[in-house]
């Protein structure tokens, strides 16, 4: 799937292109599933054009799972035929090159595994950035999505209490991940305040909540967003730069194996329905992950 201009979901089109091949330190996989991330449609819309312009036509996608079918120079410890998941480039495709990967956990399907890389990396990074400690309480706005699902479970495993805001239909889901749940309807700030002291807060949905999070924490250094590009006007950090994917994949494998992490697939789509997946992702209200199946 590629796009030849910035625009809405309709600019995504299936295209025949030469097969990619791995360079040194990379592998190629026959893709089985692809994680759909907000980053993907933000890139397609041109939200990053000023800081990271792209050449057209452009591929899209970062996260994927599949079976190794080529190994680049210098790569050891992995063989053709092994199932893996990880991050690469232009993963909305039948074949994709990965630069970071780990063995696919036996406990996870290809569809589930494709949903883990970026959300686990982001979850680990923002928990670290916001500085919340065991025994403290973290408020998560947008708790039912992919990153929220990972944050809630990783925080719980680290001894951090979590309050999560989500839509009315996702309250039980948020509770099932060990958080105290409330909705983001009008009055949410006071509802959260009644639930207790907030030591730090994360905005994962970009729903215009930063002033409320700042009011609840009293300190812009205790708020981090991955979705609101206006954060700097309030002195709040925008955590838009990726961290250590190898660390994230290793952590994901360990947490999944110990039964401490499971992110469900909310909906799957065939690869040629990527435009529909983008439209649904932009509409929000996801419970877990959306993936493309190849």
C-alpha atoms as a PDB file:
ATOM      1  CA  UNK A   1       0.000   0.000   0.000  1.00  0.00           C
ATOM      2  CA  UNK A   2       1.407   3.383  -1.040  1.00  0.00           C
ATOM      3  CA  UNK A   3       0.307   6.994  -1.376  1.00  0.00           C
ATOM      4  CA  UNK A   4       1.407   9.521  -3.973  1.00  0.00           C
ATOM      5  CA  UNK A   5       0.210  12.675  -2.187  1.00  0.00           C
ATOM      6  CA  UNK A   6      -0.792  13.800   1.276  1.00  0.00           C
ATOM      7  CA  UNK A   7      -4.477  13.467   1.999  1.00  0.00           C
ATOM      8  CA  UNK A   8      -7.268  11.385   3.480  1.00  0.00           C
ATOM      9  CA  UNK A   9      -7.448   7.602   3.676  1.00  0.00           C
ATOM     10  CA  UNK A  10      -8.451   7.409   0.026  1.00  0.00           C
ATOM     11  CA  UNK A  11      -4.898   8.280  -1.108  1.00  0.00           C
ATOM     12  CA  UNK A  12      -3.754   4.813   0.000  1.00  0.00           C
ATOM     13  CA  UNK A  13      -3.638   2.562  -3.046  1.00  0.00           C
ATOM     14  CA  UNK A  14      -2.441  -1.010  -3.679  1.00  0.00           C
ATOM     15  CA  UNK A  15       0.639  -0.881  -5.900  1.00  0.00           C
ATOM     16  CA  UNK A  16       3.015  -3.406  -7.440  1.00  0.00           C
ATOM     17  CA  UNK A  17       6.630  -2.571  -6.528  1.00  0.00           C
ATOM     18  CA  UNK A  18       9.950  -4.462  -6.623  1.00  0.00           C
ATOM     19  CA  UNK A  19      10.491  -6.693  -3.596  1.00  0.00           C
ATOM     20  CA  UNK A  20      12.679  -5.114  -0.887  1.00  0.00           C
ATOM     21  CA  UNK A  21      15.835  -6.833   0.332  1.00  0.00           C
ATOM     22  CA  UNK A  22      17.572  -6.502   3.693  1.00  0.00           C
ATOM     23  CA  UNK A  23      20.762  -4.533   4.130  1.00  0.00           C
ATOM     24  CA  UNK A  24      23.439  -5.257   6.740  1.00  0.00           C
ATOM     25  CA  UNK A  25      21.904  -5.837  10.168  1.00  0.00           C
ATOM     26  CA  UNK A  26      18.391  -6.264   8.754  1.00  0.00           C
ATOM     27  CA  UNK A  27      16.037  -9.107   7.931  1.00  0.00           C
ATOM     28  CA  UNK A  28      13.175  -9.480   5.484  1.00  0.00           C
ATOM     29  CA  UNK A  29       9.904 -11.122   6.417  1.00  0.00           C
ATOM     30  CA  UNK A  30       6.971 -12.492   4.529  1.00  0.00           C
ATOM     31  CA  UNK A  31       4.431 -10.343   6.316  1.00  0.00           C
ATOM     32  CA  UNK A  32       1.526 -12.015   8.074  1.00  0.00           C
ATOM     33  CA  UNK A  33       0.091  -9.024   9.948  1.00  0.00           C
ATOM     34  CA  UNK A  34       0.704  -5.285  10.317  1.00  0.00           C
ATOM     35  CA  UNK A  35      -0.023  -3.014  13.268  1.00  0.00           C
ATOM     36  CA  UNK A  36      -2.002   0.139  12.390  1.00  0.00           C
ATOM     37  CA  UNK A  37      -0.655   3.094  14.380  1.00  0.00           C
ATOM     38  CA  UNK A  38      -1.791   6.734  14.608  1.00  0.00           C
ATOM     39  CA  UNK A  39       1.693   7.604  13.350  1.00  0.00           C
ATOM     40  CA  UNK A  40       0.746   5.970  10.037  1.00  0.00           C
ATOM     41  CA  UNK A  41      -2.233   8.207   9.291  1.00  0.00           C
ATOM     42  CA  UNK A  42      -0.504  11.290  10.690  1.00  0.00           C
ATOM     43  CA  UNK A  43       2.293  10.644   8.186  1.00  0.00           C
ATOM     44  CA  UNK A  44      -0.245  10.110   5.384  1.00  0.00           C
ATOM     45  CA  UNK A  45      -2.002  13.388   6.220  1.00  0.00           C
ATOM     46  CA  UNK A  46       1.278  15.321   6.155  1.00  0.00           C
ATOM     47  CA  UNK A  47       1.386  16.259   9.826  1.00  0.00           C
ATOM     48  CA  UNK A  48       5.174  15.670   9.871  1.00  0.00           C
ATOM     49  CA  UNK A  49       5.943  17.311   6.519  1.00  0.00           C
ATOM     50  CA  UNK A  50       7.809  20.262   8.035  1.00  0.00           C
ATOM     51  CA  UNK A  51      10.083  18.188  10.239  1.00  0.00           C
ATOM     52  CA  UNK A  52      10.369  15.053   8.116  1.00  0.00           C
ATOM     53  CA  UNK A  53       9.397  15.505   4.464  1.00  0.00           C
ATOM     54  CA  UNK A  54       8.969  12.340   2.406  1.00  0.00           C
ATOM     55  CA  UNK A  55       9.432  11.452  -1.234  1.00  0.00           C
ATOM     56  CA  UNK A  56       6.415  10.319  -3.243  1.00  0.00           C
ATOM     57  CA  UNK A  57       5.178   7.745  -3.869  1.00  0.00           C
ATOM     58  CA  UNK A  58       5.685   6.579  -0.290  1.00  0.00           C
ATOM     59  CA  UNK A  59       5.055   3.368   1.568  1.00  0.00           C
ATOM     60  CA  UNK A  60       3.600   3.330   5.050  1.00  0.00           C
ATOM     61  CA  UNK A  61       3.798   1.241   8.204  1.00  0.00           C
ATOM     62  CA  UNK A  62       6.310   0.362  10.908  1.00  0.00           C
ATOM     63  CA  UNK A  63       5.114  -2.651  12.926  1.00  0.00           C
ATOM     64  CA  UNK A  64       4.716  -6.155  11.539  1.00  0.00           C
ATOM     65  CA  UNK A  65       4.911  -9.847  12.245  1.00  0.00           C
ATOM     66  CA  UNK A  66       5.784 -12.610   9.833  1.00  0.00           C
ATOM     67  CA  UNK A  67       8.205 -15.330   8.826  1.00  0.00           C
ATOM     68  CA  UNK A  68      11.871 -14.611   8.101  1.00  0.00           C
ATOM     69  CA  UNK A  69      12.714 -15.281   4.461  1.00  0.00           C
ATOM     70  CA  UNK A  70      15.965 -13.307   3.969  1.00  0.00           C
ATOM     71  CA  UNK A  71      18.763 -12.424   6.387  1.00  0.00           C
ATOM     72  CA  UNK A  72      21.123  -9.494   5.831  1.00  0.00           C
ATOM     73  CA  UNK A  73      24.884  -9.446   6.300  1.00  0.00           C
ATOM     74  CA  UNK A  74      26.074  -9.560   9.882  1.00  0.00           C
ATOM     75  CA  UNK A  75      22.798 -10.868  11.315  1.00  0.00           C
ATOM     76  CA  UNK A  76      23.170 -13.820  13.659  1.00  0.00           C
ATOM     77  CA  UNK A  77      20.835 -15.768  15.911  1.00  0.00           C
ATOM     78  CA  UNK A  78      17.947 -15.865  13.452  1.00  0.00           C
ATOM     79  CA  UNK A  79      17.246 -18.177  10.525  1.00  0.00           C
ATOM     80  CA  UNK A  80      14.965 -18.285   7.517  1.00  0.00           C
ATOM     81  CA  UNK A  81      11.606 -19.773   8.473  1.00  0.00           C
ATOM     82  CA  UNK A  82      11.449 -18.388  12.029  1.00  0.00           C
ATOM     83  CA  UNK A  83       8.376 -16.377  13.112  1.00  0.00           C
ATOM     84  CA  UNK A  84       9.225 -12.890  14.377  1.00  0.00           C
ATOM     85  CA  UNK A  85       7.692  -9.498  15.156  1.00  0.00           C
ATOM     86  CA  UNK A  86       9.292  -6.089  15.124  1.00  0.00           C
ATOM     87  CA  UNK A  87       9.662  -2.696  13.519  1.00  0.00           C
ATOM     88  CA  UNK A  88      10.797  -1.737  10.060  1.00  0.00           C
ATOM     89  CA  UNK A  89       9.650   0.450   7.176  1.00  0.00           C
ATOM     90  CA  UNK A  90       6.869   0.246   4.615  1.00  0.00           C
ATOM     91  CA  UNK A  91       5.329  -2.738   6.375  1.00  0.00           C
ATOM     92  CA  UNK A  92       1.906  -2.426   4.680  1.00  0.00           C
ATOM     93  CA  UNK A  93       3.129  -4.964   2.150  1.00  0.00           C
ATOM     94  CA  UNK A  94       3.586  -8.634   1.331  1.00  0.00           C
ATOM     95  CA  UNK A  95       7.310  -8.397   2.159  1.00  0.00           C
ATOM     96  CA  UNK A  96       8.975  -5.950   4.526  1.00  0.00           C
ATOM     97  CA  UNK A  97      12.442  -5.255   5.890  1.00  0.00           C
ATOM     98  CA  UNK A  98      12.779  -5.080   9.679  1.00  0.00           C
ATOM     99  CA  UNK A  99      15.572  -3.307  11.536  1.00  0.00           C
ATOM    100  CA  UNK A 100      14.490  -4.491  15.025  1.00  0.00           C
ATOM    101  CA  UNK A 101      12.872  -7.827  15.805  1.00  0.00           C
ATOM    102  CA  UNK A 102      12.373 -10.601  18.327  1.00  0.00           C
ATOM    103  CA  UNK A 103      10.995 -14.147  18.147  1.00  0.00           C
ATOM    104  CA  UNK A 104       7.200 -14.132  18.052  1.00  0.00           C
ATOM    105  CA  UNK A 105       5.915 -15.312  21.437  1.00  0.00           C
ATOM    106  CA  UNK A 106       4.236 -18.703  21.258  1.00  0.00           C
ATOM    107  CA  UNK A 107       1.388 -17.229  23.300  1.00  0.00           C
ATOM    108  CA  UNK A 108       0.558 -14.659  20.591  1.00  0.00           C
ATOM    109  CA  UNK A 109      -0.970 -15.012  17.147  1.00  0.00           C
ATOM    110  CA  UNK A 110       0.659 -13.169  14.243  1.00  0.00           C
ATOM    111  CA  UNK A 111      -2.153 -10.599  14.444  1.00  0.00           C
ATOM    112  CA  UNK A 112      -1.584  -9.968  18.155  1.00  0.00           C
ATOM    113  CA  UNK A 113       2.197  -9.860  17.782  1.00  0.00           C
ATOM    114  CA  UNK A 114       1.997  -7.222  15.040  1.00  0.00           C
ATOM    115  CA  UNK A 115       0.239  -4.916  17.488  1.00  0.00           C
ATOM    116  CA  UNK A 116       2.960  -4.901  20.133  1.00  0.00           C
ATOM    117  CA  UNK A 117       6.201  -3.204  18.934  1.00  0.00           C
ATOM    118  CA  UNK A 118       5.438   0.523  18.787  1.00  0.00           C
ATOM    119  CA  UNK A 119       2.868   0.569  21.574  1.00  0.00           C
ATOM    120  CA  UNK A 120       5.133  -1.243  24.048  1.00  0.00           C
ATOM    121  CA  UNK A 121       8.100   0.972  23.127  1.00  0.00           C
ATOM    122  CA  UNK A 122       5.946   4.078  23.556  1.00  0.00           C
ATOM    123  CA  UNK A 123       4.475   2.850  26.844  1.00  0.00           C
ATOM    124  CA  UNK A 124       7.882   2.149  28.378  1.00  0.00           C
ATOM    125  CA  UNK A 125       9.238   5.491  27.155  1.00  0.00           C
ATOM    126  CA  UNK A 126       6.398   7.693  28.405  1.00  0.00           C
ATOM    127  CA  UNK A 127       6.239   5.989  31.813  1.00  0.00           C
ATOM    128  CA  UNK A 128       9.955   6.710  32.132  1.00  0.00           C
ATOM    129  CA  UNK A 129       9.646  10.291  30.865  1.00  0.00           C
ATOM    130  CA  UNK A 130       6.840  11.255  33.217  1.00  0.00           C
ATOM    131  CA  UNK A 131       8.863   9.999  36.193  1.00  0.00           C
ATOM    132  CA  UNK A 132       6.073   8.124  37.987  1.00  0.00           C
ATOM    133  CA  UNK A 133       7.305   5.770  40.700  1.00  0.00           C
ATOM    134  CA  UNK A 134       5.993   2.587  42.358  1.00  0.00           C
ATOM    135  CA  UNK A 135       3.344   3.507  44.922  1.00  0.00           C
ATOM    136  CA  UNK A 136       2.318   6.647  43.057  1.00  0.00           C
ATOM    137  CA  UNK A 137      -0.788   7.193  40.917  1.00  0.00           C
ATOM    138  CA  UNK A 138      -0.698   7.747  37.161  1.00  0.00           C
ATOM    139  CA  UNK A 139      -3.629   9.220  35.223  1.00  0.00           C
ATOM    140  CA  UNK A 140      -3.939   7.946  31.645  1.00  0.00           C
ATOM    141  CA  UNK A 141      -6.184   9.800  29.196  1.00  0.00           C
ATOM    142  CA  UNK A 142      -7.077   7.510  26.310  1.00  0.00           C
ATOM    143  CA  UNK A 143      -6.562   4.355  28.351  1.00  0.00           C
ATOM    144  CA  UNK A 144      -8.358   1.824  26.129  1.00  0.00           C
ATOM    145  CA  UNK A 145      -6.268   2.175  22.962  1.00  0.00           C
ATOM    146  CA  UNK A 146      -3.137   0.264  22.074  1.00  0.00           C
ATOM    147  CA  UNK A 147      -0.632   2.417  23.956  1.00  0.00           C
ATOM    148  CA  UNK A 148      -3.067   2.816  26.856  1.00  0.00           C
ATOM    149  CA  UNK A 149      -3.534  -0.944  27.104  1.00  0.00           C
ATOM    150  CA  UNK A 150       0.237  -1.363  27.300  1.00  0.00           C
ATOM    151  CA  UNK A 151       0.722   1.494  29.789  1.00  0.00           C
ATOM    152  CA  UNK A 152      -1.929   0.148  32.158  1.00  0.00           C
ATOM    153  CA  UNK A 153      -0.426  -3.335  32.265  1.00  0.00           C
ATOM    154  CA  UNK A 154       3.224  -2.262  32.443  1.00  0.00           C
ATOM    155  CA  UNK A 155       2.447   0.279  35.180  1.00  0.00           C
ATOM    156  CA  UNK A 156       0.528  -2.320  37.175  1.00  0.00           C
ATOM    157  CA  UNK A 157       3.442  -4.754  36.892  1.00  0.00           C
ATOM    158  CA  UNK A 158       5.732  -2.017  38.264  1.00  0.00           C
ATOM    159  CA  UNK A 159       3.525  -1.270  41.262  1.00  0.00           C
ATOM    160  CA  UNK A 160       2.078   1.995  39.926  1.00  0.00           C
ATOM    161  CA  UNK A 161      -1.623   2.679  40.526  1.00  0.00           C
ATOM    162  CA  UNK A 162      -3.498   3.859  37.429  1.00  0.00           C
ATOM    163  CA  UNK A 163      -6.669   5.838  36.789  1.00  0.00           C
ATOM    164  CA  UNK A 164      -7.756   5.583  33.166  1.00  0.00           C
ATOM    165  CA  UNK A 165     -10.238   7.677  31.191  1.00  0.00           C
ATOM    166  CA  UNK A 166     -12.033   6.071  28.259  1.00  0.00           C
ATOM    167  CA  UNK A 167     -15.388   5.991  26.518  1.00  0.00           C
ATOM    168  CA  UNK A 168     -18.420   4.587  28.297  1.00  0.00           C
ATOM    169  CA  UNK A 169     -18.267   1.338  26.307  1.00  0.00           C
ATOM    170  CA  UNK A 170     -14.675   0.681  27.410  1.00  0.00           C
ATOM    171  CA  UNK A 171     -15.004   1.144  31.180  1.00  0.00           C
ATOM    172  CA  UNK A 172     -15.044  -2.583  31.952  1.00  0.00           C
ATOM    173  CA  UNK A 173     -12.106  -3.149  29.624  1.00  0.00           C
ATOM    174  CA  UNK A 174     -10.015  -0.520  31.438  1.00  0.00           C
ATOM    175  CA  UNK A 175     -10.916  -2.100  34.787  1.00  0.00           C
ATOM    176  CA  UNK A 176      -9.931  -5.535  33.467  1.00  0.00           C
ATOM    177  CA  UNK A 177      -6.389  -4.176  32.970  1.00  0.00           C
ATOM    178  CA  UNK A 178      -6.129  -3.226  36.643  1.00  0.00           C
ATOM    179  CA  UNK A 179      -7.001   0.471  36.472  1.00  0.00           C
ATOM    180  CA  UNK A 180      -9.688   2.580  38.093  1.00  0.00           C
ATOM    181  CA  UNK A 181     -11.894   3.722  35.207  1.00  0.00           C
ATOM    182  CA  UNK A 182     -13.876   6.871  34.503  1.00  0.00           C
ATOM    183  CA  UNK A 183     -15.251   8.492  31.374  1.00  0.00           C
ATOM    184  CA  UNK A 184     -13.920  11.600  29.648  1.00  0.00           C
ATOM    185  CA  UNK A 185     -17.350  13.229  29.480  1.00  0.00           C
ATOM    186  CA  UNK A 186     -17.791  16.811  30.776  1.00  0.00           C
ATOM    187  CA  UNK A 187     -16.820  16.997  34.444  1.00  0.00           C
ATOM    188  CA  UNK A 188     -14.047  14.421  34.088  1.00  0.00           C
ATOM    189  CA  UNK A 189     -11.485  16.576  35.914  1.00  0.00           C
ATOM    190  CA  UNK A 190     -13.608  16.748  39.064  1.00  0.00           C
ATOM    191  CA  UNK A 191     -14.444  13.047  38.845  1.00  0.00           C
ATOM    192  CA  UNK A 192     -10.767  12.211  38.693  1.00  0.00           C
ATOM    193  CA  UNK A 193      -9.979  14.617  41.540  1.00  0.00           C
ATOM    194  CA  UNK A 194     -12.451  12.774  43.760  1.00  0.00           C
ATOM    195  CA  UNK A 195     -10.631   9.515  43.070  1.00  0.00           C
ATOM    196  CA  UNK A 196      -7.481  10.751  44.803  1.00  0.00           C
ATOM    197  CA  UNK A 197      -4.132  12.422  44.314  1.00  0.00           C
ATOM    198  CA  UNK A 198      -2.621  12.350  40.813  1.00  0.00           C
ATOM    199  CA  UNK A 199       1.181  12.207  40.739  1.00  0.00           C
ATOM    200  CA  UNK A 200       1.643  12.156  36.961  1.00  0.00           C
ATOM    201  CA  UNK A 201      -0.478  12.065  33.799  1.00  0.00           C
ATOM    202  CA  UNK A 202      -0.273  10.888  30.210  1.00  0.00           C
ATOM    203  CA  UNK A 203      -2.292  12.122  27.234  1.00  0.00           C
ATOM    204  CA  UNK A 204      -2.473   9.301  24.685  1.00  0.00           C
ATOM    205  CA  UNK A 205      -5.383  10.489  22.557  1.00  0.00           C
ATOM    206  CA  UNK A 206      -4.938  14.206  21.876  1.00  0.00           C
ATOM    207  CA  UNK A 207      -8.491  15.008  22.898  1.00  0.00           C
ATOM    208  CA  UNK A 208      -7.781  18.507  24.212  1.00  0.00           C
ATOM    209  CA  UNK A 209      -7.214  17.372  27.805  1.00  0.00           C
ATOM    210  CA  UNK A 210      -3.827  18.927  28.560  1.00  0.00           C
ATOM    211  CA  UNK A 211      -5.118  21.848  30.629  1.00  0.00           C
ATOM    212  CA  UNK A 212      -7.137  19.436  32.749  1.00  0.00           C
ATOM    213  CA  UNK A 213      -4.120  17.160  33.248  1.00  0.00           C
ATOM    214  CA  UNK A 214      -2.025  20.158  34.197  1.00  0.00           C
ATOM    215  CA  UNK A 215      -4.684  21.256  36.681  1.00  0.00           C
ATOM    216  CA  UNK A 216      -4.718  17.802  38.280  1.00  0.00           C
ATOM    217  CA  UNK A 217      -0.938  17.402  38.565  1.00  0.00           C
ATOM    218  CA  UNK A 218      -0.016  21.061  39.167  1.00  0.00           C
ATOM    219  CA  UNK A 219       3.258  20.604  37.273  1.00  0.00           C
ATOM    220  CA  UNK A 220       3.894  20.538  33.491  1.00  0.00           C
ATOM    221  CA  UNK A 221       6.903  18.284  34.114  1.00  0.00           C
ATOM    222  CA  UNK A 222       4.486  15.646  35.392  1.00  0.00           C
ATOM    223  CA  UNK A 223       2.492  15.552  32.144  1.00  0.00           C
ATOM    224  CA  UNK A 224       3.551  13.944  28.851  1.00  0.00           C
ATOM    225  CA  UNK A 225       1.561  13.723  25.601  1.00  0.00           C
ATOM    226  CA  UNK A 226       2.086  11.611  22.500  1.00  0.00           C
ATOM    227  CA  UNK A 227      -0.813  13.134  20.593  1.00  0.00           C
ATOM    228  CA  UNK A 228      -1.280  16.888  21.193  1.00  0.00           C
ATOM    229  CA  UNK A 229       1.000  19.003  19.010  1.00  0.00           C
ATOM    230  CA  UNK A 230       0.126  22.140  21.029  1.00  0.00           C
ATOM    231  CA  UNK A 231       1.815  20.801  24.164  1.00  0.00           C
ATOM    232  CA  UNK A 232       4.778  23.182  24.067  1.00  0.00           C
ATOM    233  CA  UNK A 233       2.494  26.206  24.600  1.00  0.00           C
ATOM    234  CA  UNK A 234       1.734  24.812  28.069  1.00  0.00           C
ATOM    235  CA  UNK A 235       5.312  23.763  28.810  1.00  0.00           C
ATOM    236  CA  UNK A 236       4.324  20.103  28.444  1.00  0.00           C
ATOM    237  CA  UNK A 237       6.587  17.570  26.740  1.00  0.00           C
ATOM    238  CA  UNK A 238       5.550  15.981  23.457  1.00  0.00           C
ATOM    239  CA  UNK A 239       7.036  12.479  23.391  1.00  0.00           C
ATOM    240  CA  UNK A 240       7.181  12.055  19.642  1.00  0.00           C
ATOM    241  CA  UNK A 241      10.656  10.563  19.252  1.00  0.00           C
ATOM    242  CA  UNK A 242      11.063   6.796  19.422  1.00  0.00           C
ATOM    243  CA  UNK A 243      13.291   5.068  21.933  1.00  0.00           C
ATOM    244  CA  UNK A 244      15.049   1.705  22.163  1.00  0.00           C
ATOM    245  CA  UNK A 245      12.994  -0.823  20.196  1.00  0.00           C
ATOM    246  CA  UNK A 246      15.244  -3.738  21.167  1.00  0.00           C
ATOM    247  CA  UNK A 247      14.548  -3.011  24.841  1.00  0.00           C
ATOM    248  CA  UNK A 248      10.824  -2.806  24.117  1.00  0.00           C
ATOM    249  CA  UNK A 249      10.657  -6.081  22.188  1.00  0.00           C
ATOM    250  CA  UNK A 250      12.649  -7.882  24.883  1.00  0.00           C
ATOM    251  CA  UNK A 251      10.311  -6.499  27.544  1.00  0.00           C
ATOM    252  CA  UNK A 252       7.251  -7.482  25.518  1.00  0.00           C
ATOM    253  CA  UNK A 253       8.437 -11.081  25.110  1.00  0.00           C
ATOM    254  CA  UNK A 254       9.137 -11.337  28.853  1.00  0.00           C
ATOM    255  CA  UNK A 255       5.842  -9.770  29.944  1.00  0.00           C
ATOM    256  CA  UNK A 256       3.794 -11.879  27.530  1.00  0.00           C
ATOM    257  CA  UNK A 257       5.537 -15.074  28.644  1.00  0.00           C
ATOM    258  CA  UNK A 258       4.789 -14.239  32.302  1.00  0.00           C
ATOM    259  CA  UNK A 259       1.146 -13.471  31.565  1.00  0.00           C
ATOM    260  CA  UNK A 260       1.583  -9.790  32.462  1.00  0.00           C
ATOM    261  CA  UNK A 261       0.789  -8.309  29.049  1.00  0.00           C
ATOM    262  CA  UNK A 262      -1.928  -9.014  26.511  1.00  0.00           C
ATOM    263  CA  UNK A 263      -3.253  -6.476  24.028  1.00  0.00           C
ATOM    264  CA  UNK A 264      -6.295  -7.758  22.139  1.00  0.00           C
ATOM    265  CA  UNK A 265      -6.955  -7.173  18.457  1.00  0.00           C
ATOM    266  CA  UNK A 266     -10.030  -4.957  18.306  1.00  0.00           C
ATOM    267  CA  UNK A 267     -10.478  -5.417  14.564  1.00  0.00           C
ATOM    268  CA  UNK A 268      -8.525  -6.867  11.640  1.00  0.00           C
ATOM    269  CA  UNK A 269      -8.707  -5.909   7.953  1.00  0.00           C
ATOM    270  CA  UNK A 270      -7.292  -7.321   4.721  1.00  0.00           C
ATOM    271  CA  UNK A 271      -4.287  -5.373   3.466  1.00  0.00           C
ATOM    272  CA  UNK A 272      -6.233  -3.749   0.628  1.00  0.00           C
ATOM    273  CA  UNK A 273      -8.639  -2.231   3.167  1.00  0.00           C
ATOM    274  CA  UNK A 274      -5.901  -0.160   4.793  1.00  0.00           C
ATOM    275  CA  UNK A 275      -7.854   3.027   4.024  1.00  0.00           C
ATOM    276  CA  UNK A 276     -10.789   1.765   6.090  1.00  0.00           C
ATOM    277  CA  UNK A 277      -8.427   0.837   8.921  1.00  0.00           C
ATOM    278  CA  UNK A 278      -6.984   4.361   8.880  1.00  0.00           C
ATOM    279  CA  UNK A 279     -10.430   5.952   8.945  1.00  0.00           C
ATOM    280  CA  UNK A 280     -11.447   3.769  11.888  1.00  0.00           C
ATOM    281  CA  UNK A 281      -8.204   4.491  13.735  1.00  0.00           C
ATOM    282  CA  UNK A 282      -8.707   8.234  13.308  1.00  0.00           C
ATOM    283  CA  UNK A 283     -12.255   7.934  14.634  1.00  0.00           C
ATOM    284  CA  UNK A 284     -10.878   6.546  17.905  1.00  0.00           C
ATOM    285  CA  UNK A 285     -12.738   4.455  20.479  1.00  0.00           C
ATOM    286  CA  UNK A 286     -10.403   1.514  19.872  1.00  0.00           C
ATOM    287  CA  UNK A 287     -10.189  -1.255  22.445  1.00  0.00           C
ATOM    288  CA  UNK A 288      -6.696  -2.659  21.959  1.00  0.00           C
ATOM    289  CA  UNK A 289      -5.277  -2.775  18.426  1.00  0.00           C
ATOM    290  CA  UNK A 290      -6.264  -2.630  14.780  1.00  0.00           C
ATOM    291  CA  UNK A 291      -4.234  -4.766  12.391  1.00  0.00           C
ATOM    292  CA  UNK A 292      -3.986  -5.569   8.691  1.00  0.00           C
ATOM    293  CA  UNK A 293      -3.768  -9.222   7.658  1.00  0.00           C
ATOM    294  CA  UNK A 294      -1.634 -10.240   4.695  1.00  0.00           C
END
